[in-house]
Amino acid sequence: MARLLPVLALLLFTTAGAFADDKPKAASLTPKEIAEGWILLFDGETTFGWNSKADDLAGTKKPELSVKDGSLRIAGSGHKTVRCNTEFRELELELEYRAEKVASITLENRGVLVHYTMHPSEWKKFNVKWSRDGCECVNDGDKKSFKGDLSTSPFTLSLTLPQRAEATVELRNVKLRPINSNPLFNGKNIDGWKVFQGDPKRAATKFEVTKDGELSAKNGPGDLQTEKQFDDFVLQLECKTNGKYLNSGVFFRCIPDQYQNGYEAQIQNAYLQDDRTKPLDFGTGAIYRRIPARKVVSNDNEWFTMTLVAQGAHFATWVNGYQTVDWTDDRKANDNPRQGLRTAKGHLSIQGHDPTTDLLFRNIRIAELPKK
């Protein structure tokens, strides 16, 4: 059965106004927010992770999407849309906005519409909680809510310009936190996981739980697999590499009963020439052998948080809240992910790479995404 996507749309109307001067705030997260799983949908520097398109009317063009003074700027008219490429499920969302003309924020799910007004000039705050219990929204102090299960369709964030009025909207500090995830690791034992035993030469890693409730992986190679299988999901975890340039990864959509035959979210904190935009061996947050991380954010010997979203052919990763990958697998469908697009369910696995492997994991949690 077809489902409508819940969309957060910013519809711009035609009341005049002008931007006031305002000192920009850098897009950033606190260590506490990073540990809680918050991610930035806009990095404050680039349009990475966003796309724009025009409608089907003849002569229309894509809206102008740019970054200025730490703000994401969308300008144009004519039923044009700017959208975050990644979909989520249940979440908390916070952002700041300003518009040169009066604008309206519209929340939509299965025909349910809730409108809010954005006033010109001054920066305003907008917060929303979107969950199986309904919607709670605060727009510049004005709180509204409604009940209803909003978790049955994926959630996207988009901005739509009006057909006849030229307008500009700015966004900044756009951050999101997935909620209502299910734990995959209980901090006491490895219930729900199994060590791959199909090849004795690939069973050297010792997986055990530390006295602090962390999952330790030492030595390698080896493979610890979830008993449950997943296809579309939001996965979050914390990891620490206890050594320099250690190599590991989290595999997903793996072919059952095989050794690490799936996509891999890479763990490798090395980079070239003191330049974090030049990752070695694809870099932490990469989809290994498919797309490198655009920046190495994490450091060895320090805890970092990784977020991985898999939705159909689209994959996105964040490390410490910074988006490192936004990639669509456009290969032909294939049961083997090494040879083509695999959308079927498969287990997750934690990699013991080699004899130097020495990593810790904690707060491993997942929220399954509904099909479109």
Foldseek 3Di string as FASTA:
>chain_A
DDFDAWEWEKEFDDAAAAADDDQADAQDDDPVCQVLAKFALDRLAFCPQKDKDADPDPPDGTWDWGHDNSKTKTWDAAFIKMWRNDWDFWKKKKKKKAKRGKIWIWTDGPRDIDIDIHHHHDIWMKIWTAAQQWIWIATRNDIDTDGHGRRQAIHIYMYTYYRPDIIMMIMHNIMMGHDPWADCADLQFNPQKDWQDPDVQFCPWDWTHDPRSKTKTAFGFTKIWGPDWAFWKKKKKKKAFADAQDWKWKFHQADPNDDRQGWTQIDGQDAPPPFQQGHDQLEHRGRGPPHRFRGRDDDHRDMKMKIWGGAQQWIWMDISNHTGDTDGFPFDDDSGVVRGDDRDIDIMMIGDDHNGGIMIMDPITMDHHHHD
